[in-house]
């Protein structure tokens, strides 16, 4: 009924003939198999930057505020504020030292202000010295105090000692 093709029965040249029912022979490869390449796991996606902590306009804090993230003040803080980024809202008042990598003032700050980047917007009212690496003061901002540029305004070298004024500034609207 069924017959094998002649090609299956005849071995290729140079190979011995197989007996009927014999399992196919496995040839040994003297070269070891190369190890499977290892695939490094894909790097995790960077975490999204968290939203800033908002101190609302109906909030008054008496004491120091410290965060490793961003803070947006819309109320009143009577104490020092330290953050990565600090935004002082138009209706906000901070009475104390402000220290942050980046400071944007729309409202009122009474006290020393230290930051790598400091920006006083047109609605800003600042009374105190500013120690900065870069500063921007918009037209219309009110500022009374001294301004001093330092390469490291947040560093420990500037801590505890009053800045020597590089310029005395009194700006009015």
C-alpha atoms as a PDB file:
ATOM      1  CA  UNK A   1       0.000   0.000   0.000  1.00  0.00           C
ATOM      2  CA  UNK A   2       2.314   2.653   1.192  1.00  0.00           C
ATOM      3  CA  UNK A   3       5.843   2.637   0.026  1.00  0.00           C
ATOM      4  CA  UNK A   4       8.822   4.662   0.900  1.00  0.00           C
ATOM      5  CA  UNK A   5      10.365   6.789  -1.718  1.00  0.00           C
ATOM      6  CA  UNK A   6      13.657   5.603  -3.056  1.00  0.00           C
ATOM      7  CA  UNK A   7      15.383   8.713  -1.795  1.00  0.00           C
ATOM      8  CA  UNK A   8      14.626   7.808   1.835  1.00  0.00           C
ATOM      9  CA  UNK A   9      15.980   4.287   1.427  1.00  0.00           C
ATOM     10  CA  UNK A  10      19.233   5.257  -0.169  1.00  0.00           C
ATOM     11  CA  UNK A  11      21.737   7.042   2.072  1.00  0.00           C
ATOM     12  CA  UNK A  12      23.728   9.987   0.775  1.00  0.00           C
ATOM     13  CA  UNK A  13      27.130   9.090  -0.627  1.00  0.00           C
ATOM     14  CA  UNK A  14      29.738   8.360   2.070  1.00  0.00           C
ATOM     15  CA  UNK A  15      27.194   7.325   4.772  1.00  0.00           C
ATOM     16  CA  UNK A  16      26.417   3.735   5.795  1.00  0.00           C
ATOM     17  CA  UNK A  17      22.973   2.340   5.042  1.00  0.00           C
ATOM     18  CA  UNK A  18      20.426   2.261   7.902  1.00  0.00           C
ATOM     19  CA  UNK A  19      18.634  -0.843   8.928  1.00  0.00           C
ATOM     20  CA  UNK A  20      14.846  -0.739   8.752  1.00  0.00           C
ATOM     21  CA  UNK A  21      13.290   0.728  11.911  1.00  0.00           C
ATOM     22  CA  UNK A  22      16.599   2.185  13.126  1.00  0.00           C
ATOM     23  CA  UNK A  23      16.434   5.600  14.725  1.00  0.00           C
ATOM     24  CA  UNK A  24      18.190   8.351  12.844  1.00  0.00           C
ATOM     25  CA  UNK A  25      21.709   8.915  14.038  1.00  0.00           C
ATOM     26  CA  UNK A  26      22.697  12.186  15.686  1.00  0.00           C
ATOM     27  CA  UNK A  27      26.021  13.618  14.687  1.00  0.00           C
ATOM     28  CA  UNK A  28      28.200  15.053  17.467  1.00  0.00           C
ATOM     29  CA  UNK A  29      29.427  18.591  16.884  1.00  0.00           C
ATOM     30  CA  UNK A  30      32.827  18.996  18.571  1.00  0.00           C
ATOM     31  CA  UNK A  31      32.352  22.793  18.834  1.00  0.00           C
ATOM     32  CA  UNK A  32      30.442  23.785  21.983  1.00  0.00           C
ATOM     33  CA  UNK A  33      27.360  25.871  21.389  1.00  0.00           C
ATOM     34  CA  UNK A  34      27.880  29.565  22.029  1.00  0.00           C
ATOM     35  CA  UNK A  35      26.080  30.763  25.170  1.00  0.00           C
ATOM     36  CA  UNK A  36      22.859  32.591  24.490  1.00  0.00           C
ATOM     37  CA  UNK A  37      23.425  36.337  24.551  1.00  0.00           C
ATOM     38  CA  UNK A  38      22.113  37.969  27.687  1.00  0.00           C
ATOM     39  CA  UNK A  39      19.804  40.868  27.152  1.00  0.00           C
ATOM     40  CA  UNK A  40      20.059  43.699  29.638  1.00  0.00           C
ATOM     41  CA  UNK A  41      16.690  44.780  30.976  1.00  0.00           C
ATOM     42  CA  UNK A  42      15.399  47.992  29.489  1.00  0.00           C
ATOM     43  CA  UNK A  43      16.059  50.969  31.778  1.00  0.00           C
ATOM     44  CA  UNK A  44      13.046  52.030  33.761  1.00  0.00           C
ATOM     45  CA  UNK A  45      11.329  55.145  32.512  1.00  0.00           C
ATOM     46  CA  UNK A  46      12.292  58.184  34.589  1.00  0.00           C
ATOM     47  CA  UNK A  47       9.752  59.068  37.229  1.00  0.00           C
ATOM     48  CA  UNK A  48       7.599  62.044  36.431  1.00  0.00           C
ATOM     49  CA  UNK A  49       8.401  65.109  38.476  1.00  0.00           C
ATOM     50  CA  UNK A  50       5.834  65.443  41.244  1.00  0.00           C
ATOM     51  CA  UNK A  51       3.544  68.453  41.335  1.00  0.00           C
ATOM     52  CA  UNK A  52       4.620  71.311  43.606  1.00  0.00           C
ATOM     53  CA  UNK A  53       3.295  71.454  47.149  1.00  0.00           C
ATOM     54  CA  UNK A  54       0.833  74.336  47.260  1.00  0.00           C
ATOM     55  CA  UNK A  55       0.318  76.363  50.428  1.00  0.00           C
ATOM     56  CA  UNK A  56      -3.076  77.907  49.695  1.00  0.00           C
ATOM     57  CA  UNK A  57      -4.049  81.533  50.222  1.00  0.00           C
ATOM     58  CA  UNK A  58      -6.077  80.782  53.372  1.00  0.00           C
ATOM     59  CA  UNK A  59      -3.072  79.123  55.068  1.00  0.00           C
ATOM     60  CA  UNK A  60      -0.690  80.817  57.526  1.00  0.00           C
ATOM     61  CA  UNK A  61       2.390  78.913  58.664  1.00  0.00           C
ATOM     62  CA  UNK A  62       4.410  80.087  61.630  1.00  0.00           C
ATOM     63  CA  UNK A  63       7.664  78.147  61.477  1.00  0.00           C
ATOM     64  CA  UNK A  64      10.156  76.901  58.932  1.00  0.00           C
ATOM     65  CA  UNK A  65       9.162  75.051  55.779  1.00  0.00           C
ATOM     66  CA  UNK A  66      11.531  72.605  54.087  1.00  0.00           C
ATOM     67  CA  UNK A  67      11.052  70.422  51.012  1.00  0.00           C
ATOM     68  CA  UNK A  68      13.321  68.523  48.627  1.00  0.00           C
ATOM     69  CA  UNK A  69      10.762  69.274  45.906  1.00  0.00           C
ATOM     70  CA  UNK A  70       8.933  72.344  44.674  1.00  0.00           C
ATOM     71  CA  UNK A  71       6.773  74.664  46.791  1.00  0.00           C
ATOM     72  CA  UNK A  72       4.234  77.214  45.648  1.00  0.00           C
ATOM     73  CA  UNK A  73       3.250  79.656  48.394  1.00  0.00           C
ATOM     74  CA  UNK A  74      -0.073  81.431  48.002  1.00  0.00           C
ATOM     75  CA  UNK A  75      -0.633  82.146  51.720  1.00  0.00           C
ATOM     76  CA  UNK A  76       1.640  83.470  54.476  1.00  0.00           C
ATOM     77  CA  UNK A  77       4.811  81.903  55.875  1.00  0.00           C
ATOM     78  CA  UNK A  78       6.501  83.426  58.921  1.00  0.00           C
ATOM     79  CA  UNK A  79       9.753  81.496  58.930  1.00  0.00           C
ATOM     80  CA  UNK A  80      12.481  80.253  56.626  1.00  0.00           C
ATOM     81  CA  UNK A  81      11.593  78.402  53.426  1.00  0.00           C
ATOM     82  CA  UNK A  82      13.915  75.895  51.709  1.00  0.00           C
ATOM     83  CA  UNK A  83      13.006  74.066  48.513  1.00  0.00           C
ATOM     84  CA  UNK A  84      14.230  72.972  45.102  1.00  0.00           C
ATOM     85  CA  UNK A  85      11.974  75.496  43.346  1.00  0.00           C
ATOM     86  CA  UNK A  86      10.011  78.145  45.230  1.00  0.00           C
ATOM     87  CA  UNK A  87       7.232  80.180  43.684  1.00  0.00           C
ATOM     88  CA  UNK A  88       5.814  83.012  45.783  1.00  0.00           C
ATOM     89  CA  UNK A  89       2.334  83.828  44.474  1.00  0.00           C
ATOM     90  CA  UNK A  90       0.948  87.352  44.005  1.00  0.00           C
ATOM     91  CA  UNK A  91      -1.116  87.248  47.208  1.00  0.00           C
ATOM     92  CA  UNK A  92       1.614  85.471  49.211  1.00  0.00           C
ATOM     93  CA  UNK A  93       3.935  86.808  51.899  1.00  0.00           C
ATOM     94  CA  UNK A  94       7.115  85.146  53.153  1.00  0.00           C
ATOM     95  CA  UNK A  95       8.803  86.656  56.217  1.00  0.00           C
ATOM     96  CA  UNK A  96      12.110  84.872  56.671  1.00  0.00           C
ATOM     97  CA  UNK A  97      15.074  83.546  54.713  1.00  0.00           C
ATOM     98  CA  UNK A  98      14.331  81.944  51.352  1.00  0.00           C
ATOM     99  CA  UNK A  99      16.782  79.360  49.980  1.00  0.00           C
ATOM    100  CA  UNK A 100      16.127  77.478  46.727  1.00  0.00           C
ATOM    101  CA  UNK A 101      17.783  76.487  43.478  1.00  0.00           C
ATOM    102  CA  UNK A 102      15.198  78.558  41.634  1.00  0.00           C
ATOM    103  CA  UNK A 103      13.075  81.338  43.143  1.00  0.00           C
ATOM    104  CA  UNK A 104      10.261  83.173  41.354  1.00  0.00           C
ATOM    105  CA  UNK A 105       8.656  86.002  43.318  1.00  0.00           C
ATOM    106  CA  UNK A 106       5.264  87.371  42.298  1.00  0.00           C
ATOM    107  CA  UNK A 107       4.275  88.430  45.823  1.00  0.00           C
ATOM    108  CA  UNK A 108       6.085  89.740  48.911  1.00  0.00           C
ATOM    109  CA  UNK A 109       9.295  88.520  50.547  1.00  0.00           C
ATOM    110  CA  UNK A 110      10.712  90.155  53.666  1.00  0.00           C
ATOM    111  CA  UNK A 111      14.114  88.673  54.424  1.00  0.00           C
ATOM    112  CA  UNK A 112      17.243  87.339  52.800  1.00  0.00           C
ATOM    113  CA  UNK A 113      16.799  85.499  49.511  1.00  0.00           C
ATOM    114  CA  UNK A 114      19.409  82.990  48.227  1.00  0.00           C
ATOM    115  CA  UNK A 115      19.109  81.108  44.947  1.00  0.00           C
ATOM    116  CA  UNK A 116      20.923  79.933  41.861  1.00  0.00           C
ATOM    117  CA  UNK A 117      18.246  81.541  39.665  1.00  0.00           C
ATOM    118  CA  UNK A 118      16.210  84.397  41.119  1.00  0.00           C
ATOM    119  CA  UNK A 119      13.424  86.161  39.257  1.00  0.00           C
ATOM    120  CA  UNK A 120      11.418  89.092  40.548  1.00  0.00           C
ATOM    121  CA  UNK A 121       8.342  89.632  38.400  1.00  0.00           C
ATOM    122  CA  UNK A 122       6.594  92.971  37.896  1.00  0.00           C
ATOM    123  CA  UNK A 123       4.297  92.339  40.873  1.00  0.00           C
ATOM    124  CA  UNK A 124       7.137  91.359  43.273  1.00  0.00           C
ATOM    125  CA  UNK A 125       7.793  93.236  46.535  1.00  0.00           C
ATOM    126  CA  UNK A 126      11.121  92.283  48.159  1.00  0.00           C
ATOM    127  CA  UNK A 127      12.726  93.759  51.250  1.00  0.00           C
ATOM    128  CA  UNK A 128      16.074  92.151  51.977  1.00  0.00           C
ATOM    129  CA  UNK A 129      19.348  91.097  50.471  1.00  0.00           C
ATOM    130  CA  UNK A 130      19.571  88.784  47.483  1.00  0.00           C
ATOM    131  CA  UNK A 131      22.469  86.380  46.928  1.00  0.00           C
ATOM    132  CA  UNK A 132      22.257  84.754  43.512  1.00  0.00           C
ATOM    133  CA  UNK A 133      24.085  83.177  40.588  1.00  0.00           C
ATOM    134  CA  UNK A 134      21.704  84.667  37.998  1.00  0.00           C
ATOM    135  CA  UNK A 135      19.003  87.254  38.567  1.00  0.00           C
ATOM    136  CA  UNK A 136      16.206  88.835  36.570  1.00  0.00           C
ATOM    137  CA  UNK A 137      14.217  91.806  37.815  1.00  0.00           C
ATOM    138  CA  UNK A 138      11.245  92.812  35.704  1.00  0.00           C
ATOM    139  CA  UNK A 139      10.179  96.395  35.263  1.00  0.00           C
ATOM    140  CA  UNK A 140       7.697  97.329  37.983  1.00  0.00           C
ATOM    141  CA  UNK A 141       9.192  95.079  40.684  1.00  0.00           C
ATOM    142  CA  UNK A 142       9.827  96.764  44.031  1.00  0.00           C
ATOM    143  CA  UNK A 143      13.113  95.800  45.674  1.00  0.00           C
ATOM    144  CA  UNK A 144      14.938  97.262  48.672  1.00  0.00           C
ATOM    145  CA  UNK A 145      18.218  95.706  49.694  1.00  0.00           C
ATOM    146  CA  UNK A 146      21.542  94.646  48.287  1.00  0.00           C
ATOM    147  CA  UNK A 147      22.320  92.247  45.487  1.00  0.00           C
ATOM    148  CA  UNK A 148      25.357  89.985  45.486  1.00  0.00           C
ATOM    149  CA  UNK A 149      26.382  87.497  42.822  1.00  0.00           C
ATOM    150  CA  UNK A 150      28.084  84.272  43.960  1.00  0.00           C
ATOM    151  CA  UNK A 151      28.977  81.138  42.032  1.00  0.00           C
ATOM    152  CA  UNK A 152      27.557  79.033  44.867  1.00  0.00           C
ATOM    153  CA  UNK A 153      24.891  81.069  46.692  1.00  0.00           C
ATOM    154  CA  UNK A 154      23.498  77.923  48.343  1.00  0.00           C
ATOM    155  CA  UNK A 155      26.874  76.673  49.577  1.00  0.00           C
ATOM    156  CA  UNK A 156      27.913  76.404  53.182  1.00  0.00           C
ATOM    157  CA  UNK A 157      30.561  79.094  52.688  1.00  0.00           C
ATOM    158  CA  UNK A 158      27.849  81.743  52.477  1.00  0.00           C
ATOM    159  CA  UNK A 159      25.932  80.403  55.491  1.00  0.00           C
ATOM    160  CA  UNK A 160      25.854  82.518  58.588  1.00  0.00           C
ATOM    161  CA  UNK A 161      27.760  85.452  57.170  1.00  0.00           C
ATOM    162  CA  UNK A 162      26.060  88.526  55.813  1.00  0.00           C
ATOM    163  CA  UNK A 163      26.704  89.166  52.134  1.00  0.00           C
ATOM    164  CA  UNK A 164      28.875  92.103  51.289  1.00  0.00           C
ATOM    165  CA  UNK A 165      26.790  94.328  49.032  1.00  0.00           C
ATOM    166  CA  UNK A 166      28.079  94.539  45.492  1.00  0.00           C
ATOM    167  CA  UNK A 167      25.496  97.193  44.731  1.00  0.00           C
ATOM    168  CA  UNK A 168      22.915  99.053  46.743  1.00  0.00           C
ATOM    169  CA  UNK A 169      19.619  99.017  44.907  1.00  0.00           C
ATOM    170  CA  UNK A 170      16.428 100.844  45.645  1.00  0.00           C
ATOM    171  CA  UNK A 171      13.908 100.273  42.902  1.00  0.00           C
ATOM    172  CA  UNK A 172      10.439 101.695  42.902  1.00  0.00           C
ATOM    173  CA  UNK A 173       7.550 101.416  40.513  1.00  0.00           C
END
